[in-house]
Amino acid sequence: MNVKIDTKERFTVITPLETNISANMTEELSNLLLPYLQKDIPHVVLNMNEVEVLDEAAGEKIATIQQQFYENNCSLVICQLQPNVETTLDDQQLLEVMNVTPTESEAWDILQMEEIERELFKDE
């Protein structure tokens, strides 16, 4: 899978350069995203601007990966969904459980808020 990776100070932006993410790419997606859980800066923004078609299995895999991030006190925020991709995720009722924002800038804001929340509630 071709991706663009942009490392920022507090998170990494990963942009798939594929227009179609199919079921047979889900393992590749896992291998790309899950290693960030072990990094010093584990928070990821997944910018889906280039993706026009998302297979249902790939949508389910992204939702599962996002849940793994949250279980490990890390953030994965998805942004810039194309209308077809948003419809696919909505039809699967995955949008309700995923952290999705319209823009990359808003995704950054969510990451920062989640980091503050984790700091505030880490003693509880």
PDB file of N, CA and C in Angstrom:
ATOM      1  N   MET A   1       0.848  -1.173   0.000  1.00  0.00           N
ATOM      2  CA  MET A   1       0.000   0.000   0.000  1.00  0.00           C
ATOM      3  C   MET A   1       0.895   1.238   0.000  1.00  0.00           C
ATOM      4  N   ASN A   2       0.638   2.128  -0.906  1.00  0.00           N
ATOM      5  CA  ASN A   2       1.384   3.376  -0.964  1.00  0.00           C
ATOM      6  C   ASN A   2       0.775   4.376   0.005  1.00  0.00           C
ATOM      7  N   VAL A   3       1.631   4.963   0.836  1.00  0.00           N
ATOM      8  CA  VAL A   3       1.177   5.948   1.799  1.00  0.00           C
ATOM      9  C   VAL A   3       2.169   7.099   1.875  1.00  0.00           C
ATOM     10  N   LYS A   4       1.667   8.224   2.325  1.00  0.00           N
ATOM     11  CA  LYS A   4       2.516   9.366   2.652  1.00  0.00           C
ATOM     12  C   LYS A   4       2.496   9.465   4.170  1.00  0.00           C
ATOM     13  N   ILE A   5       3.688   9.562   4.771  1.00  0.00           N
ATOM     14  CA  ILE A   5       3.796   9.670   6.223  1.00  0.00           C
ATOM     15  C   ILE A   5       4.428  11.006   6.563  1.00  0.00           C
ATOM     16  N   ASP A   6       3.735  11.759   7.396  1.00  0.00           N
ATOM     17  CA  ASP A   6       4.201  13.079   7.811  1.00  0.00           C
ATOM     18  C   ASP A   6       4.281  13.080   9.342  1.00  0.00           C
ATOM     19  N   THR A   7       5.493  13.074   9.874  1.00  0.00           N
ATOM     20  CA  THR A   7       5.691  13.022  11.320  1.00  0.00           C
ATOM     21  C   THR A   7       5.710  14.433  11.883  1.00  0.00           C
ATOM     22  N   LYS A   8       4.806  14.656  12.823  1.00  0.00           N
ATOM     23  CA  LYS A   8       4.715  15.942  13.519  1.00  0.00           C
ATOM     24  C   LYS A   8       5.306  15.771  14.914  1.00  0.00           C
ATOM     25  N   GLU A   9       5.287  16.836  15.687  1.00  0.00           N
ATOM     26  CA  GLU A   9       5.857  16.790  17.030  1.00  0.00           C
ATOM     27  C   GLU A   9       5.094  15.848  17.955  1.00  0.00           C
ATOM     28  N   ARG A  10       3.759  15.825  17.871  1.00  0.00           N
ATOM     29  CA  ARG A  10       2.950  15.060  18.826  1.00  0.00           C
ATOM     30  C   ARG A  10       2.136  13.938  18.201  1.00  0.00           C
ATOM     31  N   PHE A  11       2.204  13.779  16.879  1.00  0.00           N
ATOM     32  CA  PHE A  11       1.452  12.734  16.194  1.00  0.00           C
ATOM     33  C   PHE A  11       2.014  12.533  14.793  1.00  0.00           C
ATOM     34  N   THR A  12       1.521  11.513  14.126  1.00  0.00           N
ATOM     35  CA  THR A  12       1.927  11.218  12.755  1.00  0.00           C
ATOM     36  C   THR A  12       0.681  11.218  11.873  1.00  0.00           C
ATOM     37  N   VAL A  13       0.790  11.837  10.703  1.00  0.00           N
ATOM     38  CA  VAL A  13      -0.301  11.821   9.726  1.00  0.00           C
ATOM     39  C   VAL A  13       0.056  10.779   8.667  1.00  0.00           C
ATOM     40  N   ILE A  14      -0.841   9.814   8.490  1.00  0.00           N
ATOM     41  CA  ILE A  14      -0.656   8.788   7.472  1.00  0.00           C
ATOM     42  C   ILE A  14      -1.763   8.955   6.445  1.00  0.00           C
ATOM     43  N   THR A  15      -1.354   9.137   5.189  1.00  0.00           N
ATOM     44  CA  THR A  15      -2.307   9.339   4.099  1.00  0.00           C
ATOM     45  C   THR A  15      -2.151   8.218   3.085  1.00  0.00           C
ATOM     46  N   PRO A  16      -3.112   7.283   3.029  1.00  0.00           N
ATOM     47  CA  PRO A  16      -3.050   6.272   1.966  1.00  0.00           C
ATOM     48  C   PRO A  16      -3.183   6.954   0.611  1.00  0.00           C
ATOM     49  N   LEU A  17      -2.330   6.566  -0.326  1.00  0.00           N
ATOM     50  CA  LEU A  17      -2.364   7.154  -1.656  1.00  0.00           C
ATOM     51  C   LEU A  17      -3.141   6.282  -2.634  1.00  0.00           C
ATOM     52  N   GLU A  18      -3.785   5.261  -2.121  1.00  0.00           N
ATOM     53  CA  GLU A  18      -4.613   4.363  -2.923  1.00  0.00           C
ATOM     54  C   GLU A  18      -6.022   4.951  -3.031  1.00  0.00           C
ATOM     55  N   THR A  19      -6.649   4.791  -4.187  1.00  0.00           N
ATOM     56  CA  THR A  19      -8.030   5.256  -4.322  1.00  0.00           C
ATOM     57  C   THR A  19      -9.010   4.189  -3.869  1.00  0.00           C
ATOM     58  N   ASN A  20      -8.542   2.943  -3.775  1.00  0.00           N
ATOM     59  CA  ASN A  20      -9.398   1.835  -3.378  1.00  0.00           C
ATOM     60  C   ASN A  20      -8.682   1.009  -2.316  1.00  0.00           C
ATOM     61  N   ILE A  21      -9.279   0.886  -1.143  1.00  0.00           N
ATOM     62  CA  ILE A  21      -8.721   0.025  -0.102  1.00  0.00           C
ATOM     63  C   ILE A  21      -9.645  -1.175   0.015  1.00  0.00           C
ATOM     64  N   SER A  22      -9.125  -2.320  -0.414  1.00  0.00           N
ATOM     65  CA  SER A  22      -9.937  -3.535  -0.476  1.00  0.00           C
ATOM     66  C   SER A  22      -9.658  -4.454   0.707  1.00  0.00           C
ATOM     67  N   ALA A  23     -10.448  -5.511   0.810  1.00  0.00           N
ATOM     68  CA  ALA A  23     -10.333  -6.461   1.918  1.00  0.00           C
ATOM     69  C   ALA A  23      -8.945  -7.086   1.981  1.00  0.00           C
ATOM     70  N   ASN A  24      -8.325  -7.346   0.829  1.00  0.00           N
ATOM     71  CA  ASN A  24      -7.007  -7.984   0.851  1.00  0.00           C
ATOM     72  C   ASN A  24      -5.896  -7.032   1.297  1.00  0.00           C
ATOM     73  N   MET A  25      -6.236  -5.783   1.540  1.00  0.00           N
ATOM     74  CA  MET A  25      -5.249  -4.818   2.026  1.00  0.00           C
ATOM     75  C   MET A  25      -5.349  -4.607   3.543  1.00  0.00           C
ATOM     76  N   THR A  26      -6.263  -5.298   4.207  1.00  0.00           N
ATOM     77  CA  THR A  26      -6.470  -5.056   5.631  1.00  0.00           C
ATOM     78  C   THR A  26      -5.258  -5.471   6.466  1.00  0.00           C
ATOM     79  N   GLU A  27      -4.590  -6.546   6.080  1.00  0.00           N
ATOM     80  CA  GLU A  27      -3.397  -6.964   6.821  1.00  0.00           C
ATOM     81  C   GLU A  27      -2.298  -5.915   6.679  1.00  0.00           C
ATOM     82  N   GLU A  28      -2.163  -5.397   5.488  1.00  0.00           N
ATOM     83  CA  GLU A  28      -1.185  -4.336   5.238  1.00  0.00           C
ATOM     84  C   GLU A  28      -1.497  -3.092   6.079  1.00  0.00           C
ATOM     85  N   LEU A  29      -2.771  -2.790   6.194  1.00  0.00           N
ATOM     86  CA  LEU A  29      -3.213  -1.656   6.999  1.00  0.00           C
ATOM     87  C   LEU A  29      -2.844  -1.866   8.466  1.00  0.00           C
ATOM     88  N   SER A  30      -3.085  -3.056   8.966  1.00  0.00           N
ATOM     89  CA  SER A  30      -2.697  -3.380  10.346  1.00  0.00           C
ATOM     90  C   SER A  30      -1.201  -3.249  10.547  1.00  0.00           C
ATOM     91  N   ASN A  31      -0.443  -3.804   9.613  1.00  0.00           N
ATOM     92  CA  ASN A  31       1.024  -3.754   9.714  1.00  0.00           C
ATOM     93  C   ASN A  31       1.557  -2.333   9.630  1.00  0.00           C
ATOM     94  N   LEU A  32       0.812  -1.456   9.011  1.00  0.00           N
ATOM     95  CA  LEU A  32       1.204  -0.055   8.899  1.00  0.00           C
ATOM     96  C   LEU A  32       0.885   0.716  10.178  1.00  0.00           C
ATOM     97  N   LEU A  33      -0.307   0.514  10.732  1.00  0.00           N
ATOM     98  CA  LEU A  33      -0.780   1.336  11.850  1.00  0.00           C
ATOM     99  C   LEU A  33      -0.394   0.816  13.235  1.00  0.00           C
ATOM    100  N   LEU A  34      -0.513  -0.474  13.463  1.00  0.00           N
ATOM    101  CA  LEU A  34      -0.316  -1.007  14.814  1.00  0.00           C
ATOM    102  C   LEU A  34       1.082  -0.797  15.389  1.00  0.00           C
ATOM    103  N   PRO A  35       2.155  -0.792  14.595  1.00  0.00           N
ATOM    104  CA  PRO A  35       3.478  -0.521  15.190  1.00  0.00           C
ATOM    105  C   PRO A  35       3.581   0.851  15.863  1.00  0.00           C
ATOM    106  N   TYR A  36       2.708   1.782  15.510  1.00  0.00           N
ATOM    107  CA  TYR A  36       2.741   3.106  16.150  1.00  0.00           C
ATOM    108  C   TYR A  36       2.405   3.021  17.641  1.00  0.00           C
ATOM    109  N   LEU A  37       1.712   1.963  18.047  1.00  0.00           N
ATOM    110  CA  LEU A  37       1.402   1.784  19.467  1.00  0.00           C
ATOM    111  C   LEU A  37       2.661   1.630  20.308  1.00  0.00           C
ATOM    112  N   GLN A  38       3.763   1.214  19.688  1.00  0.00           N
ATOM    113  CA  GLN A  38       5.024   0.997  20.402  1.00  0.00           C
ATOM    114  C   GLN A  38       5.978   2.187  20.282  1.00  0.00           C
ATOM    115  N   LYS A  39       5.586   3.207  19.556  1.00  0.00           N
ATOM    116  CA  LYS A  39       6.480   4.344  19.329  1.00  0.00           C
ATOM    117  C   LYS A  39       6.346   5.391  20.433  1.00  0.00           C
ATOM    118  N   ASP A  40       7.354   6.253  20.515  1.00  0.00           N
ATOM    119  CA  ASP A  40       7.328   7.332  21.503  1.00  0.00           C
ATOM    120  C   ASP A  40       6.147   8.269  21.279  1.00  0.00           C
ATOM    121  N   ILE A  41       5.812   8.489  20.025  1.00  0.00           N
ATOM    122  CA  ILE A  41       4.654   9.324  19.682  1.00  0.00           C
ATOM    123  C   ILE A  41       3.651   8.418  18.970  1.00  0.00           C
ATOM    124  N   PRO A  42       2.749   7.806  19.749  1.00  0.00           N
ATOM    125  CA  PRO A  42       1.884   6.774  19.174  1.00  0.00           C
ATOM    126  C   PRO A  42       0.604   7.278  18.506  1.00  0.00           C
ATOM    127  N   HIS A  43       0.331   8.563  18.558  1.00  0.00           N
ATOM    128  CA  HIS A  43      -0.940   9.091  18.054  1.00  0.00           C
ATOM    129  C   HIS A  43      -0.889   9.271  16.541  1.00  0.00           C
ATOM    130  N   VAL A  44      -1.992   8.874  15.876  1.00  0.00           N
ATOM    131  CA  VAL A  44      -2.024   8.868  14.412  1.00  0.00           C
ATOM    132  C   VAL A  44      -3.290   9.549  13.905  1.00  0.00           C
ATOM    133  N   VAL A  45      -3.103  10.359  12.866  1.00  0.00           N
ATOM    134  CA  VAL A  45      -4.217  10.877  12.078  1.00  0.00           C
ATOM    135  C   VAL A  45      -4.183  10.104  10.762  1.00  0.00           C
ATOM    136  N   LEU A  46      -5.280   9.441  10.441  1.00  0.00           N
ATOM    137  CA  LEU A  46      -5.396   8.711   9.180  1.00  0.00           C
ATOM    138  C   LEU A  46      -6.189   9.580   8.221  1.00  0.00           C
ATOM    139  N   ASN A  47      -5.476  10.200   7.288  1.00  0.00           N
ATOM    140  CA  ASN A  47      -6.102  11.106   6.326  1.00  0.00           C
ATOM    141  C   ASN A  47      -6.559  10.295   5.115  1.00  0.00           C
ATOM    142  N   MET A  48      -7.858  10.187   4.944  1.00  0.00           N
ATOM    143  CA  MET A  48      -8.443   9.342   3.889  1.00  0.00           C
ATOM    144  C   MET A  48      -8.850  10.144   2.651  1.00  0.00           C
ATOM    145  N   ASN A  49      -8.233  11.295   2.451  1.00  0.00           N
ATOM    146  CA  ASN A  49      -8.596  12.188   1.357  1.00  0.00           C
ATOM    147  C   ASN A  49      -8.517  11.537  -0.022  1.00  0.00           C
ATOM    148  N   GLU A  50      -7.542  10.660  -0.244  1.00  0.00           N
ATOM    149  CA  GLU A  50      -7.340  10.044  -1.559  1.00  0.00           C
ATOM    150  C   GLU A  50      -8.223   8.819  -1.794  1.00  0.00           C
ATOM    151  N   VAL A  51      -8.772   8.253  -0.730  1.00  0.00           N
ATOM    152  CA  VAL A  51      -9.509   6.988  -0.826  1.00  0.00           C
ATOM    153  C   VAL A  51     -10.943   7.253  -1.281  1.00  0.00           C
ATOM    154  N   GLU A  52     -11.282   6.684  -2.427  1.00  0.00           N
ATOM    155  CA  GLU A  52     -12.623   6.868  -2.980  1.00  0.00           C
ATOM    156  C   GLU A  52     -13.527   5.666  -2.724  1.00  0.00           C
ATOM    157  N   VAL A  53     -12.914   4.477  -2.555  1.00  0.00           N
ATOM    158  CA  VAL A  53     -13.678   3.253  -2.318  1.00  0.00           C
ATOM    159  C   VAL A  53     -13.038   2.510  -1.157  1.00  0.00           C
ATOM    160  N   LEU A  54     -13.853   2.134  -0.183  1.00  0.00           N
ATOM    161  CA  LEU A  54     -13.376   1.384   0.977  1.00  0.00           C
ATOM    162  C   LEU A  54     -14.230   0.134   1.104  1.00  0.00           C
ATOM    163  N   ASP A  55     -13.595  -1.011   0.984  1.00  0.00           N
ATOM    164  CA  ASP A  55     -14.279  -2.288   1.137  1.00  0.00           C
ATOM    165  C   ASP A  55     -14.833  -2.405   2.561  1.00  0.00           C
ATOM    166  N   GLU A  56     -15.940  -3.100   2.737  1.00  0.00           N
ATOM    167  CA  GLU A  56     -16.550  -3.244   4.062  1.00  0.00           C
ATOM    168  C   GLU A  56     -15.589  -3.876   5.063  1.00  0.00           C
ATOM    169  N   ALA A  57     -14.836  -4.893   4.621  1.00  0.00           N
ATOM    170  CA  ALA A  57     -13.880  -5.551   5.524  1.00  0.00           C
ATOM    171  C   ALA A  57     -12.785  -4.580   5.953  1.00  0.00           C
ATOM    172  N   ALA A  58     -12.372  -3.710   5.052  1.00  0.00           N
ATOM    173  CA  ALA A  58     -11.357  -2.715   5.392  1.00  0.00           C
ATOM    174  C   ALA A  58     -11.915  -1.706   6.392  1.00  0.00           C
ATOM    175  N   GLY A  59     -13.166  -1.331   6.232  1.00  0.00           N
ATOM    176  CA  GLY A  59     -13.807  -0.427   7.188  1.00  0.00           C
ATOM    177  C   GLY A  59     -13.865  -1.037   8.574  1.00  0.00           C
ATOM    178  N   GLU A  60     -14.243  -2.313   8.634  1.00  0.00           N
ATOM    179  CA  GLU A  60     -14.288  -3.009   9.923  1.00  0.00           C
ATOM    180  C   GLU A  60     -12.897  -3.091  10.546  1.00  0.00           C
ATOM    181  N   LYS A  61     -11.882  -3.320   9.715  1.00  0.00           N
ATOM    182  CA  LYS A  61     -10.514  -3.425  10.225  1.00  0.00           C
ATOM    183  C   LYS A  61     -10.044  -2.089  10.796  1.00  0.00           C
ATOM    184  N   ILE A  62     -10.356  -0.997  10.125  1.00  0.00           N
ATOM    185  CA  ILE A  62      -9.969   0.327  10.621  1.00  0.00           C
ATOM    186  C   ILE A  62     -10.648   0.595  11.970  1.00  0.00           C
ATOM    187  N   ALA A  63     -11.923   0.236  12.084  1.00  0.00           N
ATOM    188  CA  ALA A  63     -12.633   0.433  13.351  1.00  0.00           C
ATOM    189  C   ALA A  63     -11.991  -0.398  14.463  1.00  0.00           C
ATOM    190  N   THR A  64     -11.595  -1.629  14.148  1.00  0.00           N
ATOM    191  CA  THR A  64     -10.939  -2.500  15.129  1.00  0.00           C
ATOM    192  C   THR A  64      -9.585  -1.939  15.542  1.00  0.00           C
ATOM    193  N   ILE A  65      -8.827  -1.462  14.561  1.00  0.00           N
ATOM    194  CA  ILE A  65      -7.513  -0.873  14.856  1.00  0.00           C
ATOM    195  C   ILE A  65      -7.684   0.360  15.728  1.00  0.00           C
ATOM    196  N   GLN A  66      -8.664   1.190  15.394  1.00  0.00           N
ATOM    197  CA  GLN A  66      -8.900   2.396  16.197  1.00  0.00           C
ATOM    198  C   GLN A  66      -9.208   2.020  17.639  1.00  0.00           C
ATOM    199  N   GLN A  67      -9.990   0.970  17.835  1.00  0.00           N
ATOM    200  CA  GLN A  67     -10.317   0.525  19.188  1.00  0.00           C
ATOM    201  C   GLN A  67      -9.053   0.054  19.919  1.00  0.00           C
ATOM    202  N   GLN A  68      -8.153  -0.625  19.212  1.00  0.00           N
ATOM    203  CA  GLN A  68      -6.897  -1.066  19.820  1.00  0.00           C
ATOM    204  C   GLN A  68      -6.066   0.134  20.284  1.00  0.00           C
ATOM    205  N   PHE A  69      -6.078   1.202  19.502  1.00  0.00           N
ATOM    206  CA  PHE A  69      -5.361   2.408  19.907  1.00  0.00           C
ATOM    207  C   PHE A  69      -5.914   2.927  21.228  1.00  0.00           C
ATOM    208  N   TYR A  70      -7.247   3.038  21.323  1.00  0.00           N
ATOM    209  CA  TYR A  70      -7.860   3.585  22.531  1.00  0.00           C
ATOM    210  C   TYR A  70      -7.658   2.680  23.739  1.00  0.00           C
ATOM    211  N   GLU A  71      -7.654   1.364  23.516  1.00  0.00           N
ATOM    212  CA  GLU A  71      -7.390   0.431  24.615  1.00  0.00           C
ATOM    213  C   GLU A  71      -5.970   0.588  25.160  1.00  0.00           C
ATOM    214  N   ASN A  72      -5.072   1.114  24.324  1.00  0.00           N
ATOM    215  CA  ASN A  72      -3.680   1.324  24.722  1.00  0.00           C
ATOM    216  C   ASN A  72      -3.388   2.778  25.063  1.00  0.00           C
ATOM    217  N   ASN A  73      -4.434   3.564  25.357  1.00  0.00           N
ATOM    218  CA  ASN A  73      -4.304   4.981  25.701  1.00  0.00           C
ATOM    219  C   ASN A  73      -3.600   5.790  24.614  1.00  0.00           C
ATOM    220  N   CYS A  74      -3.894   5.473  23.391  1.00  0.00           N
ATOM    221  CA  CYS A  74      -3.357   6.200  22.233  1.00  0.00           C
ATOM    222  C   CYS A  74      -4.547   6.643  21.372  1.00  0.00           C
ATOM    223  N   SER A  75      -4.288   7.563  20.464  1.00  0.00           N
ATOM    224  CA  SER A  75      -5.363   8.092  19.624  1.00  0.00           C
ATOM    225  C   SER A  75      -5.139   7.759  18.157  1.00  0.00           C
ATOM    226  N   LEU A  76      -6.229   7.435  17.496  1.00  0.00           N
ATOM    227  CA  LEU A  76      -6.259   7.287  16.042  1.00  0.00           C
ATOM    228  C   LEU A  76      -7.508   8.011  15.578  1.00  0.00           C
ATOM    229  N   VAL A  77      -7.314   9.101  14.854  1.00  0.00           N
ATOM    230  CA  VAL A  77      -8.432   9.901  14.355  1.00  0.00           C
ATOM    231  C   VAL A  77      -8.410   9.849  12.834  1.00  0.00           C
ATOM    232  N   ILE A  78      -9.569   9.628  12.238  1.00  0.00           N
ATOM    233  CA  ILE A  78      -9.691   9.524  10.791  1.00  0.00           C
ATOM    234  C   ILE A  78     -10.283  10.830  10.281  1.00  0.00           C
ATOM    235  N   CYS A  79      -9.745  11.329   9.178  1.00  0.00           N
ATOM    236  CA  CYS A  79     -10.262  12.598   8.650  1.00  0.00           C
ATOM    237  C   CYS A  79     -10.383  12.558   7.137  1.00  0.00           C
ATOM    238  N   GLN A  80     -11.115  13.521   6.628  1.00  0.00           N
ATOM    239  CA  GLN A  80     -11.306  13.803   5.213  1.00  0.00           C
ATOM    240  C   GLN A  80     -11.854  12.608   4.427  1.00  0.00           C
ATOM    241  N   LEU A  81     -12.904  12.011   4.967  1.00  0.00           N
ATOM    242  CA  LEU A  81     -13.553  10.905   4.257  1.00  0.00           C
ATOM    243  C   LEU A  81     -14.255  11.416   3.008  1.00  0.00           C
ATOM    244  N   GLN A  82     -14.092  10.700   1.922  1.00  0.00           N
ATOM    245  CA  GLN A  82     -14.822  11.001   0.700  1.00  0.00           C
ATOM    246  C   GLN A  82     -16.264  10.505   0.873  1.00  0.00           C
ATOM    247  N   PRO A  83     -17.229  11.100   0.166  1.00  0.00           N
ATOM    248  CA  PRO A  83     -18.642  10.742   0.358  1.00  0.00           C
ATOM    249  C   PRO A  83     -18.933   9.238   0.232  1.00  0.00           C
ATOM    250  N   ASN A  84     -18.339   8.567  -0.761  1.00  0.00           N
ATOM    251  CA  ASN A  84     -18.589   7.127  -0.928  1.00  0.00           C
ATOM    252  C   ASN A  84     -18.084   6.330   0.269  1.00  0.00           C
ATOM    253  N   VAL A  85     -16.927   6.709   0.790  1.00  0.00           N
ATOM    254  CA  VAL A  85     -16.342   6.017   1.937  1.00  0.00           C
ATOM    255  C   VAL A  85     -17.194   6.268   3.175  1.00  0.00           C
ATOM    256  N   GLU A  86     -17.624   7.493   3.349  1.00  0.00           N
ATOM    257  CA  GLU A  86     -18.475   7.831   4.496  1.00  0.00           C
ATOM    258  C   GLU A  86     -19.783   7.037   4.450  1.00  0.00           C
ATOM    259  N   THR A  87     -20.355   6.914   3.255  1.00  0.00           N
ATOM    260  CA  THR A  87     -21.591   6.148   3.097  1.00  0.00           C
ATOM    261  C   THR A  87     -21.364   4.678   3.447  1.00  0.00           C
ATOM    262  N   THR A  88     -20.266   4.112   2.986  1.00  0.00           N
ATOM    263  CA  THR A  88     -19.947   2.715   3.299  1.00  0.00           C
ATOM    264  C   THR A  88     -19.850   2.510   4.800  1.00  0.00           C
ATOM    265  N   LEU A  89     -19.122   3.389   5.485  1.00  0.00           N
ATOM    266  CA  LEU A  89     -18.961   3.264   6.934  1.00  0.00           C
ATOM    267  C   LEU A  89     -20.276   3.493   7.664  1.00  0.00           C
ATOM    268  N   ASP A  90     -21.085   4.423   7.160  1.00  0.00           N
ATOM    269  CA  ASP A  90     -22.377   4.701   7.775  1.00  0.00           C
ATOM    270  C   ASP A  90     -23.310   3.499   7.605  1.00  0.00           C
ATOM    271  N   ASP A  91     -23.317   2.894   6.422  1.00  0.00           N
ATOM    272  CA  ASP A  91     -24.155   1.722   6.169  1.00  0.00           C
ATOM    273  C   ASP A  91     -23.783   0.568   7.098  1.00  0.00           C
ATOM    274  N   GLN A  92     -22.518   0.483   7.459  1.00  0.00           N
ATOM    275  CA  GLN A  92     -22.041  -0.563   8.370  1.00  0.00           C
ATOM    276  C   GLN A  92     -22.216  -0.170   9.840  1.00  0.00           C
ATOM    277  N   GLN A  93     -22.740   1.019  10.063  1.00  0.00           N
ATOM    278  CA  GLN A  93     -22.908   1.580  11.409  1.00  0.00           C
ATOM    279  C   GLN A  93     -21.573   1.703  12.136  1.00  0.00           C
ATOM    280  N   LEU A  94     -20.517   1.970  11.387  1.00  0.00           N
ATOM    281  CA  LEU A  94     -19.188   2.139  11.973  1.00  0.00           C
ATOM    282  C   LEU A  94     -18.883   3.596  12.296  1.00  0.00           C
ATOM    283  N   LEU A  95     -19.526   4.519  11.595  1.00  0.00           N
ATOM    284  CA  LEU A  95     -19.268   5.940  11.865  1.00  0.00           C
ATOM    285  C   LEU A  95     -19.609   6.293  13.302  1.00  0.00           C
ATOM    286  N   GLU A  96     -20.583   5.602  13.858  1.00  0.00           N
ATOM    287  CA  GLU A  96     -21.022   5.870  15.225  1.00  0.00           C
ATOM    288  C   GLU A  96     -19.934   5.546  16.245  1.00  0.00           C
ATOM    289  N   VAL A  97     -19.079   4.575  15.937  1.00  0.00           N
ATOM    290  CA  VAL A  97     -18.060   4.137  16.899  1.00  0.00           C
ATOM    291  C   VAL A  97     -16.664   4.654  16.553  1.00  0.00           C
ATOM    292  N   MET A  98     -16.525   5.276  15.402  1.00  0.00           N
ATOM    293  CA  MET A  98     -15.212   5.760  14.967  1.00  0.00           C
ATOM    294  C   MET A  98     -15.059   7.242  15.281  1.00  0.00           C
ATOM    295  N   ASN A  99     -13.825   7.646  15.484  1.00  0.00           N
ATOM    296  CA  ASN A  99     -13.515   9.051  15.722  1.00  0.00           C
ATOM    297  C   ASN A  99     -13.137   9.662  14.374  1.00  0.00           C
ATOM    298  N   VAL A 100     -14.093  10.357  13.754  1.00  0.00           N
ATOM    299  CA  VAL A 100     -13.932  10.898  12.404  1.00  0.00           C
ATOM    300  C   VAL A 100     -14.146  12.400  12.435  1.00  0.00           C
ATOM    301  N   THR A 101     -13.274  13.133  11.731  1.00  0.00           N
ATOM    302  CA  THR A 101     -13.429  14.575  11.608  1.00  0.00           C
ATOM    303  C   THR A 101     -13.412  14.972  10.132  1.00  0.00           C
ATOM    304  N   PRO A 102     -14.025  16.108   9.794  1.00  0.00           N
ATOM    305  CA  PRO A 102     -14.040  16.553   8.398  1.00  0.00           C
ATOM    306  C   PRO A 102     -12.657  16.976   7.887  1.00  0.00           C
ATOM    307  N   THR A 103     -11.836  17.588   8.755  1.00  0.00           N
ATOM    308  CA  THR A 103     -10.557  18.123   8.287  1.00  0.00           C
ATOM    309  C   THR A 103      -9.397  17.588   9.123  1.00  0.00           C
ATOM    310  N   GLU A 104      -8.208  17.685   8.562  1.00  0.00           N
ATOM    311  CA  GLU A 104      -7.012  17.271   9.280  1.00  0.00           C
ATOM    312  C   GLU A 104      -6.763  18.166  10.491  1.00  0.00           C
ATOM    313  N   SER A 105      -7.041  19.431  10.357  1.00  0.00           N
ATOM    314  CA  SER A 105      -6.869  20.372  11.456  1.00  0.00           C
ATOM    315  C   SER A 105      -7.744  19.991  12.655  1.00  0.00           C
ATOM    316  N   GLU A 106      -8.987  19.611  12.386  1.00  0.00           N
ATOM    317  CA  GLU A 106      -9.877  19.173  13.465  1.00  0.00           C
ATOM    318  C   GLU A 106      -9.390  17.867  14.088  1.00  0.00           C
ATOM    319  N   ALA A 107      -8.791  16.999  13.286  1.00  0.00           N
ATOM    320  CA  ALA A 107      -8.229  15.753  13.819  1.00  0.00           C
ATOM    321  C   ALA A 107      -7.108  16.071  14.800  1.00  0.00           C
ATOM    322  N   TRP A 108      -6.270  17.054  14.463  1.00  0.00           N
ATOM    323  CA  TRP A 108      -5.197  17.472  15.373  1.00  0.00           C
ATOM    324  C   TRP A 108      -5.796  17.945  16.690  1.00  0.00           C
ATOM    325  N   ASP A 109      -6.862  18.728  16.595  1.00  0.00           N
ATOM    326  CA  ASP A 109      -7.512  19.234  17.806  1.00  0.00           C
ATOM    327  C   ASP A 109      -8.020  18.088  18.686  1.00  0.00           C
ATOM    328  N   ILE A 110      -8.636  17.089  18.061  1.00  0.00           N
ATOM    329  CA  ILE A 110      -9.146  15.933  18.811  1.00  0.00           C
ATOM    330  C   ILE A 110      -7.999  15.213  19.508  1.00  0.00           C
ATOM    331  N   LEU A 111      -6.892  15.014  18.786  1.00  0.00           N
ATOM    332  CA  LEU A 111      -5.732  14.343  19.386  1.00  0.00           C
ATOM    333  C   LEU A 111      -5.243  15.097  20.621  1.00  0.00           C
ATOM    334  N   GLN A 112      -5.164  16.399  20.505  1.00  0.00           N
ATOM    335  CA  GLN A 112      -4.694  17.205  21.629  1.00  0.00           C
ATOM    336  C   GLN A 112      -5.666  17.133  22.803  1.00  0.00           C
ATOM    337  N   MET A 113      -6.960  17.173  22.539  1.00  0.00           N
ATOM    338  CA  MET A 113      -7.951  17.081  23.609  1.00  0.00           C
ATOM    339  C   MET A 113      -7.893  15.710  24.290  1.00  0.00           C
ATOM    340  N   GLU A 114      -7.732  14.657  23.496  1.00  0.00           N
ATOM    341  CA  GLU A 114      -7.649  13.316  24.082  1.00  0.00           C
ATOM    342  C   GLU A 114      -6.399  13.163  24.935  1.00  0.00           C
ATOM    343  N   GLU A 115      -5.313  13.779  24.516  1.00  0.00           N
ATOM    344  CA  GLU A 115      -4.082  13.722  25.290  1.00  0.00           C
ATOM    345  C   GLU A 115      -4.268  14.434  26.646  1.00  0.00           C
ATOM    346  N   ILE A 116      -4.943  15.574  26.625  1.00  0.00           N
ATOM    347  CA  ILE A 116      -5.225  16.307  27.861  1.00  0.00           C
ATOM    348  C   ILE A 116      -6.137  15.468  28.769  1.00  0.00           C
ATOM    349  N   GLU A 117      -7.162  14.852  28.168  1.00  0.00           N
ATOM    350  CA  GLU A 117      -8.059  13.991  28.942  1.00  0.00           C
ATOM    351  C   GLU A 117      -7.298  12.858  29.619  1.00  0.00           C
ATOM    352  N   ARG A 118      -6.412  12.215  28.888  1.00  0.00           N
ATOM    353  CA  ARG A 118      -5.629  11.110  29.461  1.00  0.00           C
ATOM    354  C   ARG A 118      -4.779  11.597  30.633  1.00  0.00           C
ATOM    355  N   GLU A 119      -4.197  12.783  30.493  1.00  0.00           N
ATOM    356  CA  GLU A 119      -3.394  13.346  31.579  1.00  0.00           C
ATOM    357  C   GLU A 119      -4.258  13.642  32.811  1.00  0.00           C
ATOM    358  N   LEU A 120      -5.438  14.196  32.588  1.00  0.00           N
ATOM    359  CA  LEU A 120      -6.325  14.544  33.694  1.00  0.00           C
ATOM    360  C   LEU A 120      -6.851  13.318  34.426  1.00  0.00           C
ATOM    361  N   PHE A 121      -7.122  12.250  33.693  1.00  0.00           N
ATOM    362  CA  PHE A 121      -7.768  11.084  34.293  1.00  0.00           C
ATOM    363  C   PHE A 121      -6.828   9.907  34.541  1.00  0.00           C
ATOM    364  N   LYS A 122      -5.530  10.093  34.361  1.00  0.00           N
ATOM    365  CA  LYS A 122      -4.621   8.954  34.494  1.00  0.00           C
ATOM    366  C   LYS A 122      -4.520   8.424  35.931  1.00  0.00           C
ATOM    367  N   ASP A 123      -4.811   9.236  36.906  1.00  0.00           N
ATOM    368  CA  ASP A 123      -4.747   8.791  38.298  1.00  0.00           C
ATOM    369  C   ASP A 123      -6.017   8.086  38.760  1.00  0.00           C
ATOM    370  N   GLU A 124      -7.063   8.176  37.979  1.00  0.00           N
ATOM    371  CA  GLU A 124      -8.343   7.569  38.374  1.00  0.00           C
ATOM    372  C   GLU A 124      -8.424   6.131  37.951  1.00  0.00           C
TER     373      GLU A 124
END
